[in-house]
Protein backbone atom coordinates (compact mmCIF):
# COMPACT_ATOMS: atom_id res chain seq x y z
CA MET A 1 123.59 -9.28 -85.42
CA ALA A 2 121.63 -11.46 -87.68
CA TYR A 3 119.48 -14.42 -86.79
CA GLY A 4 118.22 -17.85 -88.71
CA VAL A 5 115.88 -20.71 -87.88
CA LEU A 6 118.18 -23.38 -86.93
CA ASP A 7 115.72 -26.94 -85.22
CA GLY A 8 113.09 -24.60 -84.85
CA TYR A 9 115.21 -21.92 -82.71
CA PHE A 10 116.57 -18.66 -83.96
CA VAL A 11 120.11 -18.76 -83.27
CA PRO A 12 122.85 -16.13 -84.48
CA LEU A 13 124.24 -16.95 -88.45
CA SER A 14 128.01 -17.21 -86.94
CA PHE A 15 126.42 -20.97 -85.59
CA ALA A 16 126.00 -22.85 -89.06
CA LYS A 17 129.44 -22.62 -90.23
CA SER A 18 128.62 -24.11 -93.55
CA SER A 19 125.73 -24.20 -96.12
CA SER A 20 124.86 -27.93 -95.11
CA ALA A 21 123.96 -27.01 -92.06
CA TRP A 22 121.77 -24.33 -92.99
CA ALA A 23 120.37 -26.92 -95.64
CA SER A 24 119.36 -29.28 -93.52
CA VAL A 25 117.40 -27.29 -91.31
CA HIS A 26 114.64 -27.70 -94.08
CA SER A 27 115.13 -31.29 -94.02
CA PRO A 28 111.73 -33.12 -91.99
CA LYS A 29 113.92 -35.13 -90.10
CA THR A 30 115.44 -32.39 -88.50
CA LYS A 31 111.90 -31.28 -86.92
CA SER A 32 112.03 -31.20 -82.68
CA THR A 33 109.42 -31.95 -80.62
CA ARG A 34 111.16 -31.25 -77.54
CA PRO A 35 110.71 -28.21 -75.36
CA PRO A 36 113.04 -25.16 -76.16
CA GLN A 37 116.05 -24.77 -73.63
CA GLN A 38 117.18 -21.95 -74.55
CA GLY A 39 116.37 -18.96 -77.45
CA PHE A 40 113.07 -18.07 -79.20
CA THR A 41 111.19 -20.88 -80.45
CA GLY A 42 110.49 -20.45 -84.46
CA PHE A 43 108.22 -20.92 -86.79
CA ARG A 44 108.97 -23.97 -88.80
CA HIS A 45 106.10 -24.10 -91.29
CA SER A 46 107.13 -20.72 -92.56
CA LEU A 47 110.15 -22.84 -93.95
CA ASP A 48 107.27 -24.78 -95.80
CA ASN A 49 106.30 -21.61 -97.95
CA SER A 50 106.80 -20.99 -101.51
CA ARG A 51 108.55 -17.72 -100.88
CA PHE A 52 111.76 -20.02 -99.08
CA SER A 53 111.95 -22.52 -101.80
CA VAL A 54 114.49 -20.49 -104.37
CA LEU A 55 116.97 -20.03 -100.43
CA ILE A 56 116.04 -23.65 -99.00
CA ASN A 57 117.36 -24.86 -103.39
CA THR A 58 120.28 -22.37 -103.29
CA LEU A 59 121.27 -23.83 -99.68
CA GLN A 60 121.18 -27.54 -100.73
CA ARG A 61 122.98 -26.81 -104.32
CA ARG A 62 125.79 -25.21 -102.16
CA ALA A 63 125.97 -27.81 -99.64
CA SER A 64 126.14 -30.86 -102.46
CA GLN A 65 128.79 -28.69 -104.56
CA SER A 66 130.70 -28.11 -101.48
CA GLU A 67 130.98 -32.11 -100.71
CA GLY A 68 132.43 -32.72 -104.01
CA GLY A 69 131.28 -31.32 -106.97
CA VAL A 70 132.77 -32.50 -110.23
CA ASN A 71 132.10 -29.48 -112.51
CA THR A 72 132.90 -26.58 -110.17
CA PRO A 73 135.24 -24.45 -111.74
CA ALA A 74 138.62 -24.76 -109.28
CA SER A 75 138.32 -29.19 -110.46
CA VAL A 76 137.78 -27.96 -114.32
CA ILE A 77 140.76 -25.65 -113.60
CA GLN A 78 142.87 -28.27 -111.65
CA ALA A 79 142.41 -31.57 -114.53
CA VAL A 80 142.90 -29.08 -117.15
CA LEU A 81 146.01 -28.08 -115.93
CA ALA A 82 147.04 -32.02 -114.84
CA SER A 83 147.18 -32.66 -118.69
CA GLY A 84 149.65 -29.64 -119.16
CA ASP A 85 147.67 -27.98 -122.06
CA GLU A 86 147.92 -24.36 -121.72
CA GLU A 87 145.04 -24.16 -124.25
CA GLN A 88 142.65 -25.51 -122.53
CA LEU A 89 144.27 -23.91 -119.68
CA ARG A 90 143.16 -20.58 -120.48
CA GLU A 91 139.67 -21.38 -121.98
CA ALA A 92 139.14 -23.17 -118.67
CA VAL A 93 140.04 -20.20 -116.39
CA ILE A 94 138.87 -17.46 -119.26
CA GLN A 95 135.20 -19.41 -118.83
CA ALA A 96 135.74 -19.59 -115.42
CA VAL A 97 136.15 -15.37 -114.81
CA ALA A 98 133.18 -14.61 -117.65
CA LYS A 99 130.61 -16.59 -115.68
CA LYS A 100 131.43 -15.05 -112.72
CA MET A 101 131.43 -11.61 -114.16
CA SER A 102 128.11 -11.72 -115.54
CA ASN A 103 126.63 -13.26 -112.75
CA ILE A 104 128.39 -10.29 -110.80
CA ILE A 105 127.21 -7.50 -113.02
CA LEU A 106 124.00 -9.18 -114.06
CA LEU A 107 124.89 -9.91 -117.83
CA PRO A 108 124.04 -11.97 -120.01
CA LEU A 109 127.18 -13.78 -120.77
CA PRO A 110 127.35 -14.44 -124.52
CA LYS A 111 126.67 -10.39 -124.31
CA LEU A 112 130.08 -9.93 -122.83
CA ASP A 113 133.09 -8.84 -124.50
CA LEU A 114 136.07 -10.16 -123.25
CA LYS A 115 138.33 -7.32 -124.36
CA LEU A 116 136.41 -4.51 -123.08
CA PRO A 117 138.19 -3.15 -119.74
CA LEU A 118 136.46 -4.13 -116.48
CA SER A 119 135.73 -0.59 -115.83
CA GLU A 120 133.18 -0.49 -118.86
CA TYR A 121 130.77 -2.91 -117.18
CA GLY A 122 130.80 -0.05 -114.43
CA MET A 123 132.65 -2.36 -111.72
CA ASP A 124 133.86 -0.65 -108.90
CA SER A 125 136.28 -1.47 -106.16
CA MET A 126 133.30 -3.70 -104.03
CA LEU A 127 132.60 -5.96 -107.22
CA LEU A 128 136.37 -6.20 -108.28
CA ALA A 129 136.79 -7.46 -104.61
CA GLU A 130 134.26 -9.63 -105.46
CA LEU A 131 135.63 -11.54 -108.40
CA ARG A 132 139.30 -10.91 -106.83
CA GLN A 133 138.16 -13.00 -103.68
CA TYR A 134 136.69 -15.47 -106.42
CA ILE A 135 139.51 -15.78 -107.96
CA PHE A 136 141.87 -16.12 -105.15
CA HIS A 137 139.27 -18.89 -103.54
CA SER A 138 138.81 -20.92 -106.91
CA MET A 139 141.46 -20.80 -108.70
CA GLY A 140 145.04 -19.83 -105.83
CA VAL A 141 145.58 -17.45 -107.57
CA ASP A 142 146.53 -13.81 -105.88
CA VAL A 143 145.56 -10.97 -108.24
CA PRO A 144 146.75 -7.62 -107.12
CA PHE A 145 143.81 -5.41 -106.78
CA LEU A 146 145.04 -1.99 -108.12
CA THR A 147 145.64 -4.71 -111.13
CA LEU A 148 141.92 -4.86 -111.15
CA MET A 149 141.37 -1.23 -110.93
CA ASP A 150 143.48 -0.52 -113.85
CA SER A 151 141.33 1.18 -116.75
CA THR A 152 142.94 -0.89 -119.20
CA THR A 153 142.55 -4.80 -117.85
CA SER A 154 139.95 -6.49 -119.09
CA MET A 155 138.63 -10.06 -118.62
CA LEU A 156 141.33 -11.90 -120.71
CA SER A 157 143.88 -9.95 -119.28
CA VAL A 158 143.48 -11.16 -115.82
CA ALA A 159 142.98 -14.29 -117.26
CA GLY A 160 146.31 -14.38 -118.75
CA ILE A 161 147.49 -13.48 -115.35
CA VAL A 162 145.84 -16.64 -114.02
CA VAL A 163 147.20 -18.47 -116.74
CA GLU A 164 150.39 -17.38 -116.20
CA GLU A 165 150.67 -17.87 -111.95
CA LEU A 166 149.31 -21.49 -112.65
CA GLY A 167 151.81 -22.20 -115.06
CA GLN A 168 154.51 -21.31 -112.91
CA VAL A 169 153.24 -22.82 -110.08
CA ALA A 170 152.94 -26.00 -112.21
CA GLY A 171 156.70 -25.68 -113.10
CA ARG A 172 157.51 -25.55 -109.68
CA GLU A 173 156.02 -28.63 -108.93
CA GLU A 174 157.62 -30.84 -111.87
């Protein structure tokens, strides 16, 4: 079981369900002077160490995004979907998928060729599962796993599947 430090105590990671709870760990307002009721006491001062700054910043950024970030891929796609412009929708989906691919394979976005098959980038089942999960959670489209595993599937074809599905959903809502 993995443990983290919350309010000066070691607690199971499942205790904090959201990144905003973990971001509040570093807040000076949450320092506790009371003796521990249960569990082990932790060393809060290690969170002030510069080595933890990346973790703290990431958790705070995720917490602020989950509280209604305006430029998340989902919000951009929903805004474009509401406008009804299919070309803008296609561009927004392509940008979101390409940005996620860039993060997954650690290749700068300008170096990605959208027409190349995903397999050319060394995408294995674990990386494809992460891409599939991202598409489902941010866009609400369930791309079949075997479609992603196909040796001819590219980022453009994935974006086409997503746009087609989003278009069908928008058509049903009207």
